[in-house]
Amino acid sequence: FHVQLNWLLMMLRTYRGSSVDNGTLSKYIDLLGLKRLNNAKPDHHLLECLILQVYEGQIQACWIQVCGFESLEAFAASKPSLEKL
């Protein structure tokens, strides 16, 4: 638990940035309307959810950019060739 908490706090301190900069945690905090992450001791569960949401969103954005499909099902329905896989 403490290792995870320290890792989450390190991620927040390192990537917080400013809410006007794209790709910073502050920007995502504002977009998602999260309130308990800007104090000295942020809520552990909420911070964990934020990091996971940002991670999953970045993975999905990369998937769409590389493959050009919104989902794995749409990609499978296109019957990709071996070269494309």
PDB file of N, CA and C in Angstrom:
ATOM      1  N   PHE A   1       0.821  -1.200   0.000  1.00  0.00           N
ATOM      2  CA  PHE A   1       0.000   0.000   0.000  1.00  0.00           C
ATOM      3  C   PHE A   1       0.863   1.261   0.000  1.00  0.00           C
ATOM      4  N   HIS A   2       1.867   1.307   0.866  1.00  0.00           N
ATOM      5  CA  HIS A   2       2.689   2.507   0.975  1.00  0.00           C
ATOM      6  C   HIS A   2       3.546   2.741  -0.271  1.00  0.00           C
ATOM      7  N   VAL A   3       3.990   1.666  -0.886  1.00  0.00           N
ATOM      8  CA  VAL A   3       4.748   1.813  -2.131  1.00  0.00           C
ATOM      9  C   VAL A   3       3.853   2.413  -3.204  1.00  0.00           C
ATOM     10  N   GLN A   4       2.625   1.913  -3.298  1.00  0.00           N
ATOM     11  CA  GLN A   4       1.684   2.441  -4.284  1.00  0.00           C
ATOM     12  C   GLN A   4       1.359   3.903  -3.994  1.00  0.00           C
ATOM     13  N   LEU A   5       1.126   4.232  -2.742  1.00  0.00           N
ATOM     14  CA  LEU A   5       0.822   5.610  -2.371  1.00  0.00           C
ATOM     15  C   LEU A   5       1.980   6.533  -2.727  1.00  0.00           C
ATOM     16  N   ASN A   6       3.199   6.128  -2.408  1.00  0.00           N
ATOM     17  CA  ASN A   6       4.363   6.953  -2.743  1.00  0.00           C
ATOM     18  C   ASN A   6       4.533   7.097  -4.245  1.00  0.00           C
ATOM     19  N   TRP A   7       4.277   6.033  -4.991  1.00  0.00           N
ATOM     20  CA  TRP A   7       4.378   6.098  -6.444  1.00  0.00           C
ATOM     21  C   TRP A   7       3.341   7.063  -7.021  1.00  0.00           C
ATOM     22  N   LEU A   8       2.104   6.999  -6.523  1.00  0.00           N
ATOM     23  CA  LEU A   8       1.049   7.898  -7.004  1.00  0.00           C
ATOM     24  C   LEU A   8       1.377   9.352  -6.687  1.00  0.00           C
ATOM     25  N   LEU A   9       1.886   9.602  -5.481  1.00  0.00           N
ATOM     26  CA  LEU A   9       2.252  10.970  -5.115  1.00  0.00           C
ATOM     27  C   LEU A   9       3.414  11.473  -5.966  1.00  0.00           C
ATOM     28  N   MET A  10       4.371  10.597  -6.270  1.00  0.00           N
ATOM     29  CA  MET A  10       5.479  10.973  -7.140  1.00  0.00           C
ATOM     30  C   MET A  10       4.971  11.318  -8.540  1.00  0.00           C
ATOM     31  N   MET A  11       4.031  10.519  -9.054  1.00  0.00           N
ATOM     32  CA  MET A  11       3.455  10.804 -10.371  1.00  0.00           C
ATOM     33  C   MET A  11       2.748  12.156 -10.368  1.00  0.00           C
ATOM     34  N   LEU A  12       2.005  12.447  -9.310  1.00  0.00           N
ATOM     35  CA  LEU A  12       1.294  13.715  -9.217  1.00  0.00           C
ATOM     36  C   LEU A  12       2.273  14.880  -9.149  1.00  0.00           C
ATOM     37  N   ARG A  13       3.309  14.763  -8.327  1.00  0.00           N
ATOM     38  CA  ARG A  13       4.287  15.851  -8.209  1.00  0.00           C
ATOM     39  C   ARG A  13       5.055  16.063  -9.510  1.00  0.00           C
ATOM     40  N   THR A  14       5.391  14.975 -10.196  1.00  0.00           N
ATOM     41  CA  THR A  14       6.202  15.067 -11.406  1.00  0.00           C
ATOM     42  C   THR A  14       5.407  15.606 -12.593  1.00  0.00           C
ATOM     43  N   TYR A  15       4.172  15.161 -12.751  1.00  0.00           N
ATOM     44  CA  TYR A  15       3.405  15.472 -13.960  1.00  0.00           C
ATOM     45  C   TYR A  15       2.213  16.389 -13.720  1.00  0.00           C
ATOM     46  N   ARG A  16       2.161  17.053 -12.570  1.00  0.00           N
ATOM     47  CA  ARG A  16       1.022  17.933 -12.284  1.00  0.00           C
ATOM     48  C   ARG A  16       0.946  19.050 -13.310  1.00  0.00           C
ATOM     49  N   GLY A  17       1.983  19.825 -13.489  1.00  0.00           N
ATOM     50  CA  GLY A  17       2.012  20.889 -14.479  1.00  0.00           C
ATOM     51  C   GLY A  17       0.968  21.954 -14.216  1.00  0.00           C
ATOM     52  N   SER A  18       0.527  22.594 -15.277  1.00  0.00           N
ATOM     53  CA  SER A  18      -0.454  23.675 -15.204  1.00  0.00           C
ATOM     54  C   SER A  18      -1.718  23.254 -15.935  1.00  0.00           C
ATOM     55  N   SER A  19      -2.849  23.776 -15.501  1.00  0.00           N
ATOM     56  CA  SER A  19      -4.117  23.387 -16.125  1.00  0.00           C
ATOM     57  C   SER A  19      -4.278  23.944 -17.538  1.00  0.00           C
ATOM     58  N   VAL A  20      -3.411  24.865 -17.952  1.00  0.00           N
ATOM     59  CA  VAL A  20      -3.496  25.394 -19.317  1.00  0.00           C
ATOM     60  C   VAL A  20      -2.635  24.592 -20.289  1.00  0.00           C
ATOM     61  N   ASP A  21      -1.767  23.728 -19.770  1.00  0.00           N
ATOM     62  CA  ASP A  21      -0.903  22.915 -20.622  1.00  0.00           C
ATOM     63  C   ASP A  21      -1.565  21.576 -20.923  1.00  0.00           C
ATOM     64  N   ASN A  22      -1.622  21.219 -22.204  1.00  0.00           N
ATOM     65  CA  ASN A  22      -2.185  19.922 -22.595  1.00  0.00           C
ATOM     66  C   ASN A  22      -1.285  18.795 -22.111  1.00  0.00           C
ATOM     67  N   GLY A  23      -1.886  17.695 -21.693  1.00  0.00           N
ATOM     68  CA  GLY A  23      -1.136  16.523 -21.284  1.00  0.00           C
ATOM     69  C   GLY A  23      -0.680  16.516 -19.845  1.00  0.00           C
ATOM     70  N   THR A  24      -1.004  17.537 -19.071  1.00  0.00           N
ATOM     71  CA  THR A  24      -0.611  17.548 -17.662  1.00  0.00           C
ATOM     72  C   THR A  24      -1.744  16.992 -16.809  1.00  0.00           C
ATOM     73  N   LEU A  25      -1.396  16.512 -15.631  1.00  0.00           N
ATOM     74  CA  LEU A  25      -2.428  15.978 -14.746  1.00  0.00           C
ATOM     75  C   LEU A  25      -3.388  17.071 -14.300  1.00  0.00           C
ATOM     76  N   SER A  26      -2.902  18.303 -14.151  1.00  0.00           N
ATOM     77  CA  SER A  26      -3.798  19.402 -13.763  1.00  0.00           C
ATOM     78  C   SER A  26      -4.879  19.633 -14.812  1.00  0.00           C
ATOM     79  N   LYS A  27      -4.523  19.489 -16.071  1.00  0.00           N
ATOM     80  CA  LYS A  27      -5.506  19.638 -17.150  1.00  0.00           C
ATOM     81  C   LYS A  27      -6.589  18.562 -17.034  1.00  0.00           C
ATOM     82  N   TYR A  28      -6.173  17.319 -16.783  1.00  0.00           N
ATOM     83  CA  TYR A  28      -7.140  16.227 -16.639  1.00  0.00           C
ATOM     84  C   TYR A  28      -7.974  16.382 -15.369  1.00  0.00           C
ATOM     85  N   ILE A  29      -7.361  16.876 -14.299  1.00  0.00           N
ATOM     86  CA  ILE A  29      -8.099  17.109 -13.056  1.00  0.00           C
ATOM     87  C   ILE A  29      -9.210  18.121 -13.295  1.00  0.00           C
ATOM     88  N   ASP A  30      -8.903  19.193 -14.028  1.00  0.00           N
ATOM     89  CA  ASP A  30      -9.921  20.199 -14.343  1.00  0.00           C
ATOM     90  C   ASP A  30     -10.993  19.645 -15.278  1.00  0.00           C
ATOM     91  N   LEU A  31     -10.581  18.901 -16.307  1.00  0.00           N
ATOM     92  CA  LEU A  31     -11.547  18.345 -17.261  1.00  0.00           C
ATOM     93  C   LEU A  31     -12.509  17.368 -16.597  1.00  0.00           C
ATOM     94  N   LEU A  32     -12.002  16.577 -15.664  1.00  0.00           N
ATOM     95  CA  LEU A  32     -12.832  15.586 -14.980  1.00  0.00           C
ATOM     96  C   LEU A  32     -13.568  16.160 -13.781  1.00  0.00           C
ATOM     97  N   GLY A  33     -13.250  17.398 -13.400  1.00  0.00           N
ATOM     98  CA  GLY A  33     -13.930  18.047 -12.282  1.00  0.00           C
ATOM     99  C   GLY A  33     -13.589  17.448 -10.929  1.00  0.00           C
ATOM    100  N   LEU A  34     -12.370  16.972 -10.770  1.00  0.00           N
ATOM    101  CA  LEU A  34     -11.949  16.361  -9.506  1.00  0.00           C
ATOM    102  C   LEU A  34     -11.540  17.449  -8.521  1.00  0.00           C
ATOM    103  N   LYS A  35     -11.965  17.321  -7.275  1.00  0.00           N
ATOM    104  CA  LYS A  35     -11.772  18.391  -6.295  1.00  0.00           C
ATOM    105  C   LYS A  35     -10.765  18.077  -5.200  1.00  0.00           C
ATOM    106  N   ARG A  36     -10.568  16.823  -4.848  1.00  0.00           N
ATOM    107  CA  ARG A  36      -9.765  16.497  -3.668  1.00  0.00           C
ATOM    108  C   ARG A  36      -8.323  16.140  -4.003  1.00  0.00           C
ATOM    109  N   LEU A  37      -7.810  16.644  -5.119  1.00  0.00           N
ATOM    110  CA  LEU A  37      -6.440  16.324  -5.502  1.00  0.00           C
ATOM    111  C   LEU A  37      -5.501  17.519  -5.432  1.00  0.00           C
ATOM    112  N   ASN A  38      -6.000  18.684  -5.100  1.00  0.00           N
ATOM    113  CA  ASN A  38      -5.166  19.880  -5.087  1.00  0.00           C
ATOM    114  C   ASN A  38      -4.685  20.276  -3.702  1.00  0.00           C
ATOM    115  N   ASN A  39      -4.956  19.466  -2.685  1.00  0.00           N
ATOM    116  CA  ASN A  39      -4.486  19.807  -1.348  1.00  0.00           C
ATOM    117  C   ASN A  39      -3.165  19.085  -1.057  1.00  0.00           C
ATOM    118  N   ALA A  40      -2.599  19.322   0.129  1.00  0.00           N
ATOM    119  CA  ALA A  40      -1.296  18.756   0.485  1.00  0.00           C
ATOM    120  C   ALA A  40      -1.328  17.233   0.550  1.00  0.00           C
ATOM    121  N   LYS A  41      -2.438  16.657   0.990  1.00  0.00           N
ATOM    122  CA  LYS A  41      -2.585  15.203   1.063  1.00  0.00           C
ATOM    123  C   LYS A  41      -3.776  14.781   0.205  1.00  0.00           C
ATOM    124  N   PRO A  42      -3.553  14.547  -1.094  1.00  0.00           N
ATOM    125  CA  PRO A  42      -4.663  14.201  -1.981  1.00  0.00           C
ATOM    126  C   PRO A  42      -5.269  12.847  -1.634  1.00  0.00           C
ATOM    127  N   ASP A  43      -6.525  12.682  -1.985  1.00  0.00           N
ATOM    128  CA  ASP A  43      -7.252  11.437  -1.747  1.00  0.00           C
ATOM    129  C   ASP A  43      -6.593  10.306  -2.539  1.00  0.00           C
ATOM    130  N   HIS A  44      -6.192   9.259  -1.845  1.00  0.00           N
ATOM    131  CA  HIS A  44      -5.460   8.151  -2.465  1.00  0.00           C
ATOM    132  C   HIS A  44      -6.282   7.452  -3.542  1.00  0.00           C
ATOM    133  N   HIS A  45      -7.512   7.097  -3.233  1.00  0.00           N
ATOM    134  CA  HIS A  45      -8.344   6.363  -4.194  1.00  0.00           C
ATOM    135  C   HIS A  45      -8.633   7.211  -5.432  1.00  0.00           C
ATOM    136  N   LEU A  46      -8.932   8.471  -5.237  1.00  0.00           N
ATOM    137  CA  LEU A  46      -9.223   9.362  -6.358  1.00  0.00           C
ATOM    138  C   LEU A  46      -7.988   9.553  -7.236  1.00  0.00           C
ATOM    139  N   LEU A  47      -6.821   9.669  -6.617  1.00  0.00           N
ATOM    140  CA  LEU A  47      -5.579   9.809  -7.372  1.00  0.00           C
ATOM    141  C   LEU A  47      -5.291   8.548  -8.183  1.00  0.00           C
ATOM    142  N   GLU A  48      -5.539   7.391  -7.586  1.00  0.00           N
ATOM    143  CA  GLU A  48      -5.351   6.131  -8.302  1.00  0.00           C
ATOM    144  C   GLU A  48      -6.295   6.055  -9.505  1.00  0.00           C
ATOM    145  N   CYS A  49      -7.547   6.436  -9.329  1.00  0.00           N
ATOM    146  CA  CYS A  49      -8.516   6.437 -10.434  1.00  0.00           C
ATOM    147  C   CYS A  49      -8.090   7.396 -11.539  1.00  0.00           C
ATOM    148  N   LEU A  50      -7.580   8.567 -11.161  1.00  0.00           N
ATOM    149  CA  LEU A  50      -7.121   9.543 -12.153  1.00  0.00           C
ATOM    150  C   LEU A  50      -5.981   8.968 -12.983  1.00  0.00           C
ATOM    151  N   ILE A  51      -4.979   8.400 -12.318  1.00  0.00           N
ATOM    152  CA  ILE A  51      -3.827   7.851 -13.036  1.00  0.00           C
ATOM    153  C   ILE A  51      -4.272   6.738 -13.980  1.00  0.00           C
ATOM    154  N   LEU A  52      -5.173   5.871 -13.535  1.00  0.00           N
ATOM    155  CA  LEU A  52      -5.656   4.786 -14.393  1.00  0.00           C
ATOM    156  C   LEU A  52      -6.468   5.310 -15.570  1.00  0.00           C
ATOM    157  N   GLN A  53      -7.304   6.332 -15.351  1.00  0.00           N
ATOM    158  CA  GLN A  53      -8.088   6.910 -16.444  1.00  0.00           C
ATOM    159  C   GLN A  53      -7.183   7.562 -17.482  1.00  0.00           C
ATOM    160  N   VAL A  54      -6.178   8.284 -17.029  1.00  0.00           N
ATOM    161  CA  VAL A  54      -5.243   8.927 -17.958  1.00  0.00           C
ATOM    162  C   VAL A  54      -4.474   7.865 -18.741  1.00  0.00           C
ATOM    163  N   TYR A  55      -4.021   6.827 -18.050  1.00  0.00           N
ATOM    164  CA  TYR A  55      -3.282   5.744 -18.710  1.00  0.00           C
ATOM    165  C   TYR A  55      -4.144   5.064 -19.777  1.00  0.00           C
ATOM    166  N   GLU A  56      -5.361   4.696 -19.424  1.00  0.00           N
ATOM    167  CA  GLU A  56      -6.246   4.026 -20.378  1.00  0.00           C
ATOM    168  C   GLU A  56      -6.600   4.943 -21.545  1.00  0.00           C
ATOM    169  N   GLY A  57      -6.796   6.218 -21.272  1.00  0.00           N
ATOM    170  CA  GLY A  57      -7.086   7.169 -22.340  1.00  0.00           C
ATOM    171  C   GLY A  57      -5.920   7.334 -23.299  1.00  0.00           C
ATOM    172  N   GLN A  58      -4.702   7.367 -22.764  1.00  0.00           N
ATOM    173  CA  GLN A  58      -3.519   7.487 -23.617  1.00  0.00           C
ATOM    174  C   GLN A  58      -3.332   6.237 -24.475  1.00  0.00           C
ATOM    175  N   ILE A  59      -3.568   5.067 -23.892  1.00  0.00           N
ATOM    176  CA  ILE A  59      -3.465   3.815 -24.659  1.00  0.00           C
ATOM    177  C   ILE A  59      -4.496   3.802 -25.786  1.00  0.00           C
ATOM    178  N   GLN A  60      -5.724   4.222 -25.485  1.00  0.00           N
ATOM    179  CA  GLN A  60      -6.770   4.242 -26.512  1.00  0.00           C
ATOM    180  C   GLN A  60      -6.450   5.263 -27.600  1.00  0.00           C
ATOM    181  N   ALA A  61      -5.931   6.422 -27.228  1.00  0.00           N
ATOM    182  CA  ALA A  61      -5.570   7.438 -28.223  1.00  0.00           C
ATOM    183  C   ALA A  61      -4.455   6.930 -29.134  1.00  0.00           C
ATOM    184  N   CYS A  62      -3.478   6.239 -28.569  1.00  0.00           N
ATOM    185  CA  CYS A  62      -2.402   5.663 -29.380  1.00  0.00           C
ATOM    186  C   CYS A  62      -2.940   4.584 -30.307  1.00  0.00           C
ATOM    187  N   TRP A  63      -3.851   3.767 -29.794  1.00  0.00           N
ATOM    188  CA  TRP A  63      -4.461   2.708 -30.606  1.00  0.00           C
ATOM    189  C   TRP A  63      -5.168   3.312 -31.816  1.00  0.00           C
ATOM    190  N   ILE A  64      -5.968   4.338 -31.600  1.00  0.00           N
ATOM    191  CA  ILE A  64      -6.716   4.971 -32.691  1.00  0.00           C
ATOM    192  C   ILE A  64      -5.761   5.597 -33.695  1.00  0.00           C
ATOM    193  N   GLN A  65      -4.705   6.229 -33.203  1.00  0.00           N
ATOM    194  CA  GLN A  65      -3.751   6.893 -34.088  1.00  0.00           C
ATOM    195  C   GLN A  65      -2.987   5.882 -34.942  1.00  0.00           C
ATOM    196  N   VAL A  66      -2.571   4.780 -34.362  1.00  0.00           N
ATOM    197  CA  VAL A  66      -1.771   3.799 -35.091  1.00  0.00           C
ATOM    198  C   VAL A  66      -2.634   2.942 -36.012  1.00  0.00           C
ATOM    199  N   CYS A  67      -3.769   2.452 -35.514  1.00  0.00           N
ATOM    200  CA  CYS A  67      -4.593   1.513 -36.284  1.00  0.00           C
ATOM    201  C   CYS A  67      -5.668   2.186 -37.122  1.00  0.00           C
ATOM    202  N   GLY A  68      -6.144   3.330 -36.680  1.00  0.00           N
ATOM    203  CA  GLY A  68      -7.200   4.006 -37.403  1.00  0.00           C
ATOM    204  C   GLY A  68      -8.594   3.470 -37.107  1.00  0.00           C
ATOM    205  N   PHE A  69      -8.723   2.629 -36.101  1.00  0.00           N
ATOM    206  CA  PHE A  69     -10.011   2.062 -35.715  1.00  0.00           C
ATOM    207  C   PHE A  69     -10.324   2.446 -34.280  1.00  0.00           C
ATOM    208  N   GLU A  70     -11.600   2.655 -33.986  1.00  0.00           N
ATOM    209  CA  GLU A  70     -12.031   3.077 -32.652  1.00  0.00           C
ATOM    210  C   GLU A  70     -11.990   1.954 -31.619  1.00  0.00           C
ATOM    211  N   SER A  71     -12.065   0.703 -32.065  1.00  0.00           N
ATOM    212  CA  SER A  71     -12.103  -0.406 -31.109  1.00  0.00           C
ATOM    213  C   SER A  71     -11.449  -1.637 -31.717  1.00  0.00           C
ATOM    214  N   LEU A  72     -11.165  -2.599 -30.867  1.00  0.00           N
ATOM    215  CA  LEU A  72     -10.596  -3.866 -31.318  1.00  0.00           C
ATOM    216  C   LEU A  72     -11.595  -4.623 -32.184  1.00  0.00           C
ATOM    217  N   GLU A  73     -12.883  -4.508 -31.849  1.00  0.00           N
ATOM    218  CA  GLU A  73     -13.915  -5.181 -32.638  1.00  0.00           C
ATOM    219  C   GLU A  73     -13.961  -4.630 -34.068  1.00  0.00           C
ATOM    220  N   ALA A  74     -13.862  -3.309 -34.209  1.00  0.00           N
ATOM    221  CA  ALA A  74     -13.871  -2.702 -35.547  1.00  0.00           C
ATOM    222  C   ALA A  74     -12.628  -3.112 -36.329  1.00  0.00           C
ATOM    223  N   PHE A  75     -11.503  -3.196 -35.649  1.00  0.00           N
ATOM    224  CA  PHE A  75     -10.271  -3.636 -36.303  1.00  0.00           C
ATOM    225  C   PHE A  75     -10.398  -5.083 -36.766  1.00  0.00           C
ATOM    226  N   ALA A  76     -10.955  -5.960 -35.928  1.00  0.00           N
ATOM    227  CA  ALA A  76     -11.136  -7.367 -36.293  1.00  0.00           C
ATOM    228  C   ALA A  76     -12.125  -7.515 -37.439  1.00  0.00           C
ATOM    229  N   ALA A  77     -13.171  -6.684 -37.454  1.00  0.00           N
ATOM    230  CA  ALA A  77     -14.168  -6.749 -38.525  1.00  0.00           C
ATOM    231  C   ALA A  77     -13.580  -6.355 -39.877  1.00  0.00           C
ATOM    232  N   SER A  78     -12.490  -5.600 -39.878  1.00  0.00           N
ATOM    233  CA  SER A  78     -11.860  -5.199 -41.140  1.00  0.00           C
ATOM    234  C   SER A  78     -11.034  -6.329 -41.755  1.00  0.00           C
ATOM    235  N   LYS A  79     -10.917  -7.445 -41.035  1.00  0.00           N
ATOM    236  CA  LYS A  79     -10.156  -8.613 -41.478  1.00  0.00           C
ATOM    237  C   LYS A  79      -8.757  -8.208 -41.959  1.00  0.00           C
ATOM    238  N   PRO A  80      -7.917  -7.758 -41.028  1.00  0.00           N
ATOM    239  CA  PRO A  80      -6.585  -7.272 -41.416  1.00  0.00           C
ATOM    240  C   PRO A  80      -5.688  -8.403 -41.937  1.00  0.00           C
ATOM    241  N   SER A  81      -4.807  -8.046 -42.847  1.00  0.00           N
ATOM    242  CA  SER A  81      -3.866  -9.024 -43.397  1.00  0.00           C
ATOM    243  C   SER A  81      -2.745  -9.280 -42.390  1.00  0.00           C
ATOM    244  N   LEU A  82      -1.947 -10.298 -42.662  1.00  0.00           N
ATOM    245  CA  LEU A  82      -0.820 -10.608 -41.778  1.00  0.00           C
ATOM    246  C   LEU A  82       0.178  -9.455 -41.720  1.00  0.00           C
ATOM    247  N   GLU A  83       0.365  -8.770 -42.841  1.00  0.00           N
ATOM    248  CA  GLU A  83       1.291  -7.641 -42.869  1.00  0.00           C
ATOM    249  C   GLU A  83       0.815  -6.513 -41.956  1.00  0.00           C
ATOM    250  N   LYS A  84      -0.492  -6.305 -41.930  1.00  0.00           N
ATOM    251  CA  LYS A  84      -1.040  -5.236 -41.090  1.00  0.00           C
ATOM    252  C   LYS A  84      -0.959  -5.586 -39.607  1.00  0.00           C
ATOM    253  N   LEU A  85      -1.073  -6.879 -39.300  1.00  0.00           N
ATOM    254  CA  LEU A  85      -0.974  -7.307 -37.910  1.00  0.00           C
ATOM    255  C   LEU A  85       0.439  -7.150 -37.434  1.00  0.00           C
TER     256      LEU A  85
END
